[in-house]
Amino acid sequence: GGDRSAVTGGTRVVSDWIKVKVTAKPGE
C-alpha cells in the first residue's frame, strides 16, 4: 500500500512475512 512495496528476486526476508504479486515474466 505504499511507495516501498516493490521487492526484487534474490533478496531475503529477515523477519515477519509478506504476500507478493509477481510482476516479472521468466527471464525478464
mmCIF file of all heavy atoms, coordinates in Angstrom:
data_MODEL
# 
_entry.id   MODEL 
# 
loop_
_atom_site.group_PDB 
_atom_site.id 
_atom_site.type_symbol 
_atom_site.label_atom_id 
_atom_site.label_alt_id 
_atom_site.label_comp_id 
_atom_site.label_asym_id 
_atom_site.label_entity_id 
_atom_site.label_seq_id 
_atom_site.pdbx_PDB_ins_code 
_atom_site.Cartn_x 
_atom_site.Cartn_y 
_atom_site.Cartn_z 
_atom_site.occupancy 
_atom_site.B_iso_or_equiv 
_atom_site.pdbx_formal_charge 
_atom_site.auth_seq_id 
_atom_site.auth_comp_id 
_atom_site.auth_asym_id 
_atom_site.auth_atom_id 
_atom_site.pdbx_PDB_model_num 
ATOM 1   N N   . GLY A 1 1  ? 0.766  -1.228  0.000   1.00 0.00 ? 1  GLY A N   1 
ATOM 2   C CA  . GLY A 1 1  ? 0.000  0.000   0.000   1.00 0.00 ? 1  GLY A CA  1 
ATOM 3   C C   . GLY A 1 1  ? 0.795  1.275   0.000   1.00 0.00 ? 1  GLY A C   1 
ATOM 4   O O   . GLY A 1 1  ? 0.232  2.356   0.125   1.00 0.00 ? 1  GLY A O   1 
ATOM 5   N N   . GLY A 1 2  ? 2.107  1.238   -0.149  1.00 0.00 ? 2  GLY A N   1 
ATOM 6   C CA  . GLY A 1 2  ? 2.895  2.460   -0.144  1.00 0.00 ? 2  GLY A CA  1 
ATOM 7   C C   . GLY A 1 2  ? 3.845  2.527   -1.318  1.00 0.00 ? 2  GLY A C   1 
ATOM 8   O O   . GLY A 1 2  ? 3.752  1.747   -2.272  1.00 0.00 ? 2  GLY A O   1 
ATOM 9   N N   . ASP A 1 3  ? 4.781  3.497   -1.248  1.00 0.00 ? 3  ASP A N   1 
ATOM 10  C CA  . ASP A 1 3  ? 5.761  3.654   -2.310  1.00 0.00 ? 3  ASP A CA  1 
ATOM 11  C C   . ASP A 1 3  ? 6.938  2.704   -2.155  1.00 0.00 ? 3  ASP A C   1 
ATOM 12  O O   . ASP A 1 3  ? 7.819  2.666   -3.005  1.00 0.00 ? 3  ASP A O   1 
ATOM 13  C CB  . ASP A 1 3  ? 6.284  5.102   -2.329  1.00 0.00 ? 3  ASP A CB  1 
ATOM 14  C CG  . ASP A 1 3  ? 5.219  6.093   -2.785  1.00 0.00 ? 3  ASP A CG  1 
ATOM 15  O OD1 . ASP A 1 3  ? 4.252  5.638   -3.405  1.00 0.00 ? 3  ASP A OD1 1 
ATOM 16  O OD2 . ASP A 1 3  ? 5.359  7.298   -2.497  1.00 0.00 ? 3  ASP A OD2 1 
ATOM 17  N N   . ARG A 1 4  ? 6.978  1.944   -1.067  1.00 0.00 ? 4  ARG A N   1 
ATOM 18  C CA  . ARG A 1 4  ? 8.061  0.988   -0.839  1.00 0.00 ? 4  ARG A CA  1 
ATOM 19  C C   . ARG A 1 4  ? 7.515  -0.432  -0.833  1.00 0.00 ? 4  ARG A C   1 
ATOM 20  O O   . ARG A 1 4  ? 7.738  -1.209  0.087   1.00 0.00 ? 4  ARG A O   1 
ATOM 21  C CB  . ARG A 1 4  ? 8.785  1.319   0.473   1.00 0.00 ? 4  ARG A CB  1 
ATOM 22  C CG  . ARG A 1 4  ? 9.459  2.681   0.434   1.00 0.00 ? 4  ARG A CG  1 
ATOM 23  C CD  . ARG A 1 4  ? 10.230 2.996   1.693   1.00 0.00 ? 4  ARG A CD  1 
ATOM 24  N NE  . ARG A 1 4  ? 10.930 4.267   1.541   1.00 0.00 ? 4  ARG A NE  1 
ATOM 25  C CZ  . ARG A 1 4  ? 12.148 4.427   1.045   1.00 0.00 ? 4  ARG A CZ  1 
ATOM 26  N NH1 . ARG A 1 4  ? 12.816 3.357   0.635   1.00 0.00 ? 4  ARG A NH1 1 
ATOM 27  N NH2 . ARG A 1 4  ? 12.711 5.606   0.941   1.00 0.00 ? 4  ARG A NH2 1 
ATOM 28  N N   . SER A 1 5  ? 6.785  -0.725  -1.890  1.00 0.00 ? 5  SER A N   1 
ATOM 29  C CA  . SER A 1 5  ? 6.129  -2.031  -1.972  1.00 0.00 ? 5  SER A CA  1 
ATOM 30  C C   . SER A 1 5  ? 6.830  -2.984  -2.928  1.00 0.00 ? 5  SER A C   1 
ATOM 31  O O   . SER A 1 5  ? 6.517  -4.168  -2.957  1.00 0.00 ? 5  SER A O   1 
ATOM 32  C CB  . SER A 1 5  ? 4.668  -1.858  -2.414  1.00 0.00 ? 5  SER A CB  1 
ATOM 33  O OG  . SER A 1 5  ? 4.609  -1.240  -3.691  1.00 0.00 ? 5  SER A OG  1 
ATOM 34  N N   . ALA A 1 6  ? 7.775  -2.481  -3.730  1.00 0.00 ? 6  ALA A N   1 
ATOM 35  C CA  . ALA A 1 6  ? 8.434  -3.336  -4.720  1.00 0.00 ? 6  ALA A CA  1 
ATOM 36  C C   . ALA A 1 6  ? 9.520  -4.179  -4.063  1.00 0.00 ? 6  ALA A C   1 
ATOM 37  O O   . ALA A 1 6  ? 10.264 -3.700  -3.200  1.00 0.00 ? 6  ALA A O   1 
ATOM 38  C CB  . ALA A 1 6  ? 9.039  -2.485  -5.830  1.00 0.00 ? 6  ALA A CB  1 
ATOM 39  N N   . VAL A 1 7  ? 9.598  -5.441  -4.448  1.00 0.00 ? 7  VAL A N   1 
ATOM 40  C CA  . VAL A 1 7  ? 10.650 -6.335  -3.958  1.00 0.00 ? 7  VAL A CA  1 
ATOM 41  C C   . VAL A 1 7  ? 11.343 -6.971  -5.160  1.00 0.00 ? 7  VAL A C   1 
ATOM 42  O O   . VAL A 1 7  ? 10.759 -7.137  -6.228  1.00 0.00 ? 7  VAL A O   1 
ATOM 43  C CB  . VAL A 1 7  ? 10.092 -7.433  -3.030  1.00 0.00 ? 7  VAL A CB  1 
ATOM 44  C CG1 . VAL A 1 7  ? 9.643  -6.837  -1.711  1.00 0.00 ? 7  VAL A CG1 1 
ATOM 45  C CG2 . VAL A 1 7  ? 8.937  -8.180  -3.690  1.00 0.00 ? 7  VAL A CG2 1 
ATOM 46  N N   . THR A 1 8  ? 12.614 -7.331  -4.964  1.00 0.00 ? 8  THR A N   1 
ATOM 47  C CA  . THR A 1 8  ? 13.444 -7.848  -6.040  1.00 0.00 ? 8  THR A CA  1 
ATOM 48  C C   . THR A 1 8  ? 13.787 -9.306  -5.790  1.00 0.00 ? 8  THR A C   1 
ATOM 49  O O   . THR A 1 8  ? 14.124 -9.684  -4.659  1.00 0.00 ? 8  THR A O   1 
ATOM 50  C CB  . THR A 1 8  ? 14.747 -7.029  -6.153  1.00 0.00 ? 8  THR A CB  1 
ATOM 51  O OG1 . THR A 1 8  ? 14.413 -5.654  -6.312  1.00 0.00 ? 8  THR A OG1 1 
ATOM 52  C CG2 . THR A 1 8  ? 15.574 -7.485  -7.345  1.00 0.00 ? 8  THR A CG2 1 
ATOM 53  N N   . GLY A 1 9  ? 13.698 -10.109 -6.826  1.00 0.00 ? 9  GLY A N   1 
ATOM 54  C CA  . GLY A 1 9  ? 14.051 -11.514 -6.712  1.00 0.00 ? 9  GLY A CA  1 
ATOM 55  C C   . GLY A 1 9  ? 15.490 -11.693 -6.264  1.00 0.00 ? 9  GLY A C   1 
ATOM 56  O O   . GLY A 1 9  ? 16.390 -10.983 -6.718  1.00 0.00 ? 9  GLY A O   1 
ATOM 57  N N   . GLY A 1 10 ? 15.724 -12.650 -5.372  1.00 0.00 ? 10 GLY A N   1 
ATOM 58  C CA  . GLY A 1 10 ? 17.068 -12.907 -4.873  1.00 0.00 ? 10 GLY A CA  1 
ATOM 59  C C   . GLY A 1 10 ? 17.344 -12.264 -3.530  1.00 0.00 ? 10 GLY A C   1 
ATOM 60  O O   . GLY A 1 10 ? 18.340 -12.593 -2.883  1.00 0.00 ? 10 GLY A O   1 
ATOM 61  N N   . THR A 1 11 ? 16.473 -11.350 -3.097  1.00 0.00 ? 11 THR A N   1 
ATOM 62  C CA  . THR A 1 11 ? 16.622 -10.763 -1.765  1.00 0.00 ? 11 THR A CA  1 
ATOM 63  C C   . THR A 1 11 ? 15.924 -11.663 -0.741  1.00 0.00 ? 11 THR A C   1 
ATOM 64  O O   . THR A 1 11 ? 15.127 -12.525 -1.100  1.00 0.00 ? 11 THR A O   1 
ATOM 65  C CB  . THR A 1 11 ? 16.054 -9.338  -1.715  1.00 0.00 ? 11 THR A CB  1 
ATOM 66  O OG1 . THR A 1 11 ? 14.669 -9.360  -2.107  1.00 0.00 ? 11 THR A OG1 1 
ATOM 67  C CG2 . THR A 1 11 ? 16.801 -8.429  -2.677  1.00 0.00 ? 11 THR A CG2 1 
ATOM 68  N N   . ARG A 1 12 ? 16.195 -11.438 0.558   1.00 0.00 ? 12 ARG A N   1 
ATOM 69  C CA  . ARG A 1 12 ? 15.756 -12.393 1.577   1.00 0.00 ? 12 ARG A CA  1 
ATOM 70  C C   . ARG A 1 12 ? 14.925 -11.706 2.661   1.00 0.00 ? 12 ARG A C   1 
ATOM 71  O O   . ARG A 1 12 ? 15.255 -10.604 3.104   1.00 0.00 ? 12 ARG A O   1 
ATOM 72  C CB  . ARG A 1 12 ? 16.983 -13.066 2.217   1.00 0.00 ? 12 ARG A CB  1 
ATOM 73  C CG  . ARG A 1 12 ? 16.674 -14.205 3.173   1.00 0.00 ? 12 ARG A CG  1 
ATOM 74  C CD  . ARG A 1 12 ? 17.979 -14.900 3.575   1.00 0.00 ? 12 ARG A CD  1 
ATOM 75  N NE  . ARG A 1 12 ? 18.878 -13.982 4.231   1.00 0.00 ? 12 ARG A NE  1 
ATOM 76  C CZ  . ARG A 1 12 ? 18.855 -13.707 5.547   1.00 0.00 ? 12 ARG A CZ  1 
ATOM 77  N NH1 . ARG A 1 12 ? 17.967 -14.326 6.328   1.00 0.00 ? 12 ARG A NH1 1 
ATOM 78  N NH2 . ARG A 1 12 ? 19.708 -12.863 6.074   1.00 0.00 ? 12 ARG A NH2 1 
ATOM 79  N N   . VAL A 1 13 ? 13.841 -12.367 3.056   1.00 0.00 ? 13 VAL A N   1 
ATOM 80  C CA  . VAL A 1 13 ? 13.003 -11.862 4.143   1.00 0.00 ? 13 VAL A CA  1 
ATOM 81  C C   . VAL A 1 13 ? 13.669 -12.207 5.478   1.00 0.00 ? 13 VAL A C   1 
ATOM 82  O O   . VAL A 1 13 ? 13.939 -13.371 5.767   1.00 0.00 ? 13 VAL A O   1 
ATOM 83  C CB  . VAL A 1 13 ? 11.588 -12.475 4.083   1.00 0.00 ? 13 VAL A CB  1 
ATOM 84  C CG1 . VAL A 1 13 ? 10.779 -12.050 5.307   1.00 0.00 ? 13 VAL A CG1 1 
ATOM 85  C CG2 . VAL A 1 13 ? 10.879 -12.046 2.805   1.00 0.00 ? 13 VAL A CG2 1 
ATOM 86  N N   . VAL A 1 14 ? 13.942 -11.177 6.267   1.00 0.00 ? 14 VAL A N   1 
ATOM 87  C CA  . VAL A 1 14 ? 14.623 -11.372 7.549   1.00 0.00 ? 14 VAL A CA  1 
ATOM 88  C C   . VAL A 1 14 ? 13.622 -11.652 8.665   1.00 0.00 ? 14 VAL A C   1 
ATOM 89  O O   . VAL A 1 14 ? 13.858 -12.498 9.532   1.00 0.00 ? 14 VAL A O   1 
ATOM 90  C CB  . VAL A 1 14 ? 15.481 -10.129 7.897   1.00 0.00 ? 14 VAL A CB  1 
ATOM 91  C CG1 . VAL A 1 14 ? 16.144 -10.301 9.268   1.00 0.00 ? 14 VAL A CG1 1 
ATOM 92  C CG2 . VAL A 1 14 ? 16.530 -9.893  6.823   1.00 0.00 ? 14 VAL A CG2 1 
ATOM 93  N N   . SER A 1 15 ? 12.501 -10.928 8.658   1.00 0.00 ? 15 SER A N   1 
ATOM 94  C CA  . SER A 1 15 ? 11.515 -11.118 9.721   1.00 0.00 ? 15 SER A CA  1 
ATOM 95  C C   . SER A 1 15 ? 10.108 -10.964 9.160   1.00 0.00 ? 15 SER A C   1 
ATOM 96  O O   . SER A 1 15 ? 9.911  -10.359 8.102   1.00 0.00 ? 15 SER A O   1 
ATOM 97  C CB  . SER A 1 15 ? 11.740 -10.099 10.842  1.00 0.00 ? 15 SER A CB  1 
ATOM 98  O OG  . SER A 1 15 ? 11.482 -8.782  10.377  1.00 0.00 ? 15 SER A OG  1 
ATOM 99  N N   . ASP A 1 16 ? 9.134  -11.519 9.857   1.00 0.00 ? 16 ASP A N   1 
ATOM 100 C CA  . ASP A 1 16 ? 7.722  -11.421 9.502   1.00 0.00 ? 16 ASP A CA  1 
ATOM 101 C C   . ASP A 1 16 ? 7.444  -12.136 8.176   1.00 0.00 ? 16 ASP A C   1 
ATOM 102 O O   . ASP A 1 16 ? 8.170  -13.052 7.795   1.00 0.00 ? 16 ASP A O   1 
ATOM 103 C CB  . ASP A 1 16 ? 7.282  -9.950  9.450   1.00 0.00 ? 16 ASP A CB  1 
ATOM 104 C CG  . ASP A 1 16 ? 7.517  -9.250  10.771  1.00 0.00 ? 16 ASP A CG  1 
ATOM 105 O OD1 . ASP A 1 16 ? 6.832  -9.602  11.750  1.00 0.00 ? 16 ASP A OD1 1 
ATOM 106 O OD2 . ASP A 1 16 ? 8.398  -8.365  10.835  1.00 0.00 ? 16 ASP A OD2 1 
ATOM 107 N N   . TRP A 1 17 ? 6.406  -11.706 7.464   1.00 0.00 ? 17 TRP A N   1 
ATOM 108 C CA  . TRP A 1 17 ? 6.017  -12.362 6.217   1.00 0.00 ? 17 TRP A CA  1 
ATOM 109 C C   . TRP A 1 17 ? 5.359  -11.351 5.292   1.00 0.00 ? 17 TRP A C   1 
ATOM 110 O O   . TRP A 1 17 ? 4.889  -10.296 5.725   1.00 0.00 ? 17 TRP A O   1 
ATOM 111 C CB  . TRP A 1 17 ? 5.041  -13.511 6.475   1.00 0.00 ? 17 TRP A CB  1 
ATOM 112 C CG  . TRP A 1 17 ? 3.795  -13.050 7.205   1.00 0.00 ? 17 TRP A CG  1 
ATOM 113 C CD1 . TRP A 1 17 ? 3.602  -13.007 8.550   1.00 0.00 ? 17 TRP A CD1 1 
ATOM 114 C CD2 . TRP A 1 17 ? 2.598  -12.516 6.605   1.00 0.00 ? 17 TRP A CD2 1 
ATOM 115 N NE1 . TRP A 1 17 ? 2.364  -12.498 8.850   1.00 0.00 ? 17 TRP A NE1 1 
ATOM 116 C CE2 . TRP A 1 17 ? 1.721  -12.185 7.676   1.00 0.00 ? 17 TRP A CE2 1 
ATOM 117 C CE3 . TRP A 1 17 ? 2.181  -12.291 5.302   1.00 0.00 ? 17 TRP A CE3 1 
ATOM 118 C CZ2 . TRP A 1 17 ? 0.458  -11.645 7.460   1.00 0.00 ? 17 TRP A CZ2 1 
ATOM 119 C CZ3 . TRP A 1 17 ? 0.916  -11.755 5.081   1.00 0.00 ? 17 TRP A CZ3 1 
ATOM 120 C CH2 . TRP A 1 17 ? 0.063  -11.442 6.155   1.00 0.00 ? 17 TRP A CH2 1 
ATOM 121 N N   . ILE A 1 18 ? 5.356  -11.660 4.014   1.00 0.00 ? 18 ILE A N   1 
ATOM 122 C CA  . ILE A 1 18 ? 4.689  -10.823 3.011   1.00 0.00 ? 18 ILE A CA  1 
ATOM 123 C C   . ILE A 1 18 ? 4.068  -11.710 1.945   1.00 0.00 ? 18 ILE A C   1 
ATOM 124 O O   . ILE A 1 18 ? 4.528  -12.826 1.701   1.00 0.00 ? 18 ILE A O   1 
ATOM 125 C CB  . ILE A 1 18 ? 5.659  -9.830  2.334   1.00 0.00 ? 18 ILE A CB  1 
ATOM 126 C CG1 . ILE A 1 18 ? 6.919  -10.557 1.842   1.00 0.00 ? 18 ILE A CG1 1 
ATOM 127 C CG2 . ILE A 1 18 ? 5.997  -8.666  3.236   1.00 0.00 ? 18 ILE A CG2 1 
ATOM 128 C CD1 . ILE A 1 18 ? 7.875  -9.676  1.068   1.00 0.00 ? 18 ILE A CD1 1 
ATOM 129 N N   . LYS A 1 19 ? 2.999  -11.188 1.357   1.00 0.00 ? 19 LYS A N   1 
ATOM 130 C CA  . LYS A 1 19 ? 2.425  -11.818 0.169   1.00 0.00 ? 19 LYS A CA  1 
ATOM 131 C C   . LYS A 1 19 ? 2.778  -10.940 -1.025  1.00 0.00 ? 19 LYS A C   1 
ATOM 132 O O   . LYS A 1 19 ? 2.513  -9.737  -1.017  1.00 0.00 ? 19 LYS A O   1 
ATOM 133 C CB  . LYS A 1 19 ? 0.910  -11.961 0.311   1.00 0.00 ? 19 LYS A CB  1 
ATOM 134 C CG  . LYS A 1 19 ? 0.497  -12.966 1.383   1.00 0.00 ? 19 LYS A CG  1 
ATOM 135 C CD  . LYS A 1 19 ? -1.016 -13.108 1.483   1.00 0.00 ? 19 LYS A CD  1 
ATOM 136 C CE  . LYS A 1 19 ? -1.400 -14.100 2.586   1.00 0.00 ? 19 LYS A CE  1 
ATOM 137 N NZ  . LYS A 1 19 ? -2.886 -14.229 2.717   1.00 0.00 ? 19 LYS A NZ  1 
ATOM 138 N N   . VAL A 1 20 ? 3.378  -11.569 -2.025  1.00 0.00 ? 20 VAL A N   1 
ATOM 139 C CA  . VAL A 1 20 ? 3.924  -10.834 -3.165  1.00 0.00 ? 20 VAL A CA  1 
ATOM 140 C C   . VAL A 1 20 ? 3.175  -11.209 -4.436  1.00 0.00 ? 20 VAL A C   1 
ATOM 141 O O   . VAL A 1 20 ? 2.984  -12.391 -4.733  1.00 0.00 ? 20 VAL A O   1 
ATOM 142 C CB  . VAL A 1 20 ? 5.432  -11.141 -3.336  1.00 0.00 ? 20 VAL A CB  1 
ATOM 143 C CG1 . VAL A 1 20 ? 5.988  -10.426 -4.559  1.00 0.00 ? 20 VAL A CG1 1 
ATOM 144 C CG2 . VAL A 1 20 ? 6.203  -10.751 -2.081  1.00 0.00 ? 20 VAL A CG2 1 
ATOM 145 N N   . LYS A 1 21 ? 2.767  -10.180 -5.184  1.00 0.00 ? 21 LYS A N   1 
ATOM 146 C CA  . LYS A 1 21 ? 2.173  -10.397 -6.500  1.00 0.00 ? 21 LYS A CA  1 
ATOM 147 C C   . LYS A 1 21 ? 3.280  -10.314 -7.540  1.00 0.00 ? 21 LYS A C   1 
ATOM 148 O O   . LYS A 1 21 ? 3.969  -9.304  -7.656  1.00 0.00 ? 21 LYS A O   1 
ATOM 149 C CB  . LYS A 1 21 ? 1.109  -9.337  -6.790  1.00 0.00 ? 21 LYS A CB  1 
ATOM 150 C CG  . LYS A 1 21 ? 0.415  -9.521  -8.137  1.00 0.00 ? 21 LYS A CG  1 
ATOM 151 C CD  . LYS A 1 21 ? -0.645 -8.451  -8.348  1.00 0.00 ? 21 LYS A CD  1 
ATOM 152 C CE  . LYS A 1 21 ? -1.343 -8.634  -9.697  1.00 0.00 ? 21 LYS A CE  1 
ATOM 153 N NZ  . LYS A 1 21 ? -2.386 -7.589  -9.896  1.00 0.00 ? 21 LYS A NZ  1 
ATOM 154 N N   . VAL A 1 22 ? 3.484  -11.397 -8.287  1.00 0.00 ? 22 VAL A N   1 
ATOM 155 C CA  . VAL A 1 22 ? 4.562  -11.456 -9.276  1.00 0.00 ? 22 VAL A CA  1 
ATOM 156 C C   . VAL A 1 22 ? 4.292  -10.455 -10.401 1.00 0.00 ? 22 VAL A C   1 
ATOM 157 O O   . VAL A 1 22 ? 3.180  -10.391 -10.938 1.00 0.00 ? 22 VAL A O   1 
ATOM 158 C CB  . VAL A 1 22 ? 4.705  -12.880 -9.851  1.00 0.00 ? 22 VAL A CB  1 
ATOM 159 C CG1 . VAL A 1 22 ? 5.759  -12.924 -10.951 1.00 0.00 ? 22 VAL A CG1 1 
ATOM 160 C CG2 . VAL A 1 22 ? 5.047  -13.865 -8.729  1.00 0.00 ? 22 VAL A CG2 1 
ATOM 161 N N   . THR A 1 23 ? 5.322  -9.667  -10.755 1.00 0.00 ? 23 THR A N   1 
ATOM 162 C CA  . THR A 1 23 ? 5.174  -8.670  -11.824 1.00 0.00 ? 23 THR A CA  1 
ATOM 163 C C   . THR A 1 23 ? 6.090  -8.932  -13.012 1.00 0.00 ? 23 THR A C   1 
ATOM 164 O O   . THR A 1 23 ? 5.961  -8.272  -14.040 1.00 0.00 ? 23 THR A O   1 
ATOM 165 C CB  . THR A 1 23 ? 5.470  -7.259  -11.281 1.00 0.00 ? 23 THR A CB  1 
ATOM 166 O OG1 . THR A 1 23 ? 6.805  -7.231  -10.743 1.00 0.00 ? 23 THR A OG1 1 
ATOM 167 C CG2 . THR A 1 23 ? 4.479  -6.857  -10.204 1.00 0.00 ? 23 THR A CG2 1 
ATOM 168 N N   . ALA A 1 24 ? 7.022  -9.876  -12.886 1.00 0.00 ? 24 ALA A N   1 
ATOM 169 C CA  . ALA A 1 24 ? 8.002  -10.101 -13.955 1.00 0.00 ? 24 ALA A CA  1 
ATOM 170 C C   . ALA A 1 24 ? 7.791  -11.447 -14.631 1.00 0.00 ? 24 ALA A C   1 
ATOM 171 O O   . ALA A 1 24 ? 7.466  -12.441 -13.986 1.00 0.00 ? 24 ALA A O   1 
ATOM 172 C CB  . ALA A 1 24 ? 9.417  -10.029 -13.389 1.00 0.00 ? 24 ALA A CB  1 
ATOM 173 N N   . LYS A 1 25 ? 8.002  -11.458 -15.946 1.00 0.00 ? 25 LYS A N   1 
ATOM 174 C CA  . LYS A 1 25 ? 7.960  -12.707 -16.694 1.00 0.00 ? 25 LYS A CA  1 
ATOM 175 C C   . LYS A 1 25 ? 9.273  -13.462 -16.476 1.00 0.00 ? 25 LYS A C   1 
ATOM 176 O O   . LYS A 1 25 ? 10.298 -12.852 -16.160 1.00 0.00 ? 25 LYS A O   1 
ATOM 177 C CB  . LYS A 1 25 ? 7.765  -12.435 -18.182 1.00 0.00 ? 25 LYS A CB  1 
ATOM 178 C CG  . LYS A 1 25 ? 6.429  -11.808 -18.538 1.00 0.00 ? 25 LYS A CG  1 
ATOM 179 C CD  . LYS A 1 25 ? 6.331  -11.581 -20.043 1.00 0.00 ? 25 LYS A CD  1 
ATOM 180 C CE  . LYS A 1 25 ? 5.002  -10.946 -20.423 1.00 0.00 ? 25 LYS A CE  1 
ATOM 181 N NZ  . LYS A 1 25 ? 4.904  -10.685 -21.878 1.00 0.00 ? 25 LYS A NZ  1 
ATOM 182 N N   . PRO A 1 26 ? 9.294  -14.779 -16.665 1.00 0.00 ? 26 PRO A N   1 
ATOM 183 C CA  . PRO A 1 26 ? 10.544 -15.539 -16.534 1.00 0.00 ? 26 PRO A CA  1 
ATOM 184 C C   . PRO A 1 26 ? 11.607 -14.995 -17.486 1.00 0.00 ? 26 PRO A C   1 
ATOM 185 O O   . PRO A 1 26 ? 11.336 -14.746 -18.660 1.00 0.00 ? 26 PRO A O   1 
ATOM 186 C CB  . PRO A 1 26 ? 10.120 -16.966 -16.921 1.00 0.00 ? 26 PRO A CB  1 
ATOM 187 C CG  . PRO A 1 26 ? 8.654  -17.026 -16.614 1.00 0.00 ? 26 PRO A CG  1 
ATOM 188 C CD  . PRO A 1 26 ? 8.128  -15.655 -16.929 1.00 0.00 ? 26 PRO A CD  1 
ATOM 189 N N   . GLY A 1 27 ? 12.804 -14.781 -16.956 1.00 0.00 ? 27 GLY A N   1 
ATOM 190 C CA  . GLY A 1 27 ? 13.893 -14.263 -17.782 1.00 0.00 ? 27 GLY A CA  1 
ATOM 191 C C   . GLY A 1 27 ? 13.864 -12.766 -17.982 1.00 0.00 ? 27 GLY A C   1 
ATOM 192 O O   . GLY A 1 27 ? 14.741 -12.208 -18.638 1.00 0.00 ? 27 GLY A O   1 
ATOM 193 N N   . GLU A 1 28 ? 12.846 -12.095 -17.422 1.00 0.00 ? 28 GLU A N   1 
ATOM 194 C CA  . GLU A 1 28 ? 12.740 -10.648 -17.584 1.00 0.00 ? 28 GLU A CA  1 
ATOM 195 C C   . GLU A 1 28 ? 12.662 -9.943  -16.235 1.00 0.00 ? 28 GLU A C   1 
ATOM 196 O O   . GLU A 1 28 ? 12.061 -8.886  -16.100 1.00 0.00 ? 28 GLU A O   1 
ATOM 197 C CB  . GLU A 1 28 ? 11.512 -10.288 -18.424 1.00 0.00 ? 28 GLU A CB  1 
ATOM 198 C CG  . GLU A 1 28 ? 11.582 -10.791 -19.850 1.00 0.00 ? 28 GLU A CG  1 
ATOM 199 C CD  . GLU A 1 28 ? 10.376 -10.380 -20.676 1.00 0.00 ? 28 GLU A CD  1 
ATOM 200 O OE1 . GLU A 1 28 ? 9.575  -9.560  -20.187 1.00 0.00 ? 28 GLU A OE1 1 
ATOM 201 O OE2 . GLU A 1 28 ? 10.241 -10.872 -21.803 1.00 0.00 ? 28 GLU A OE2 1 
# 
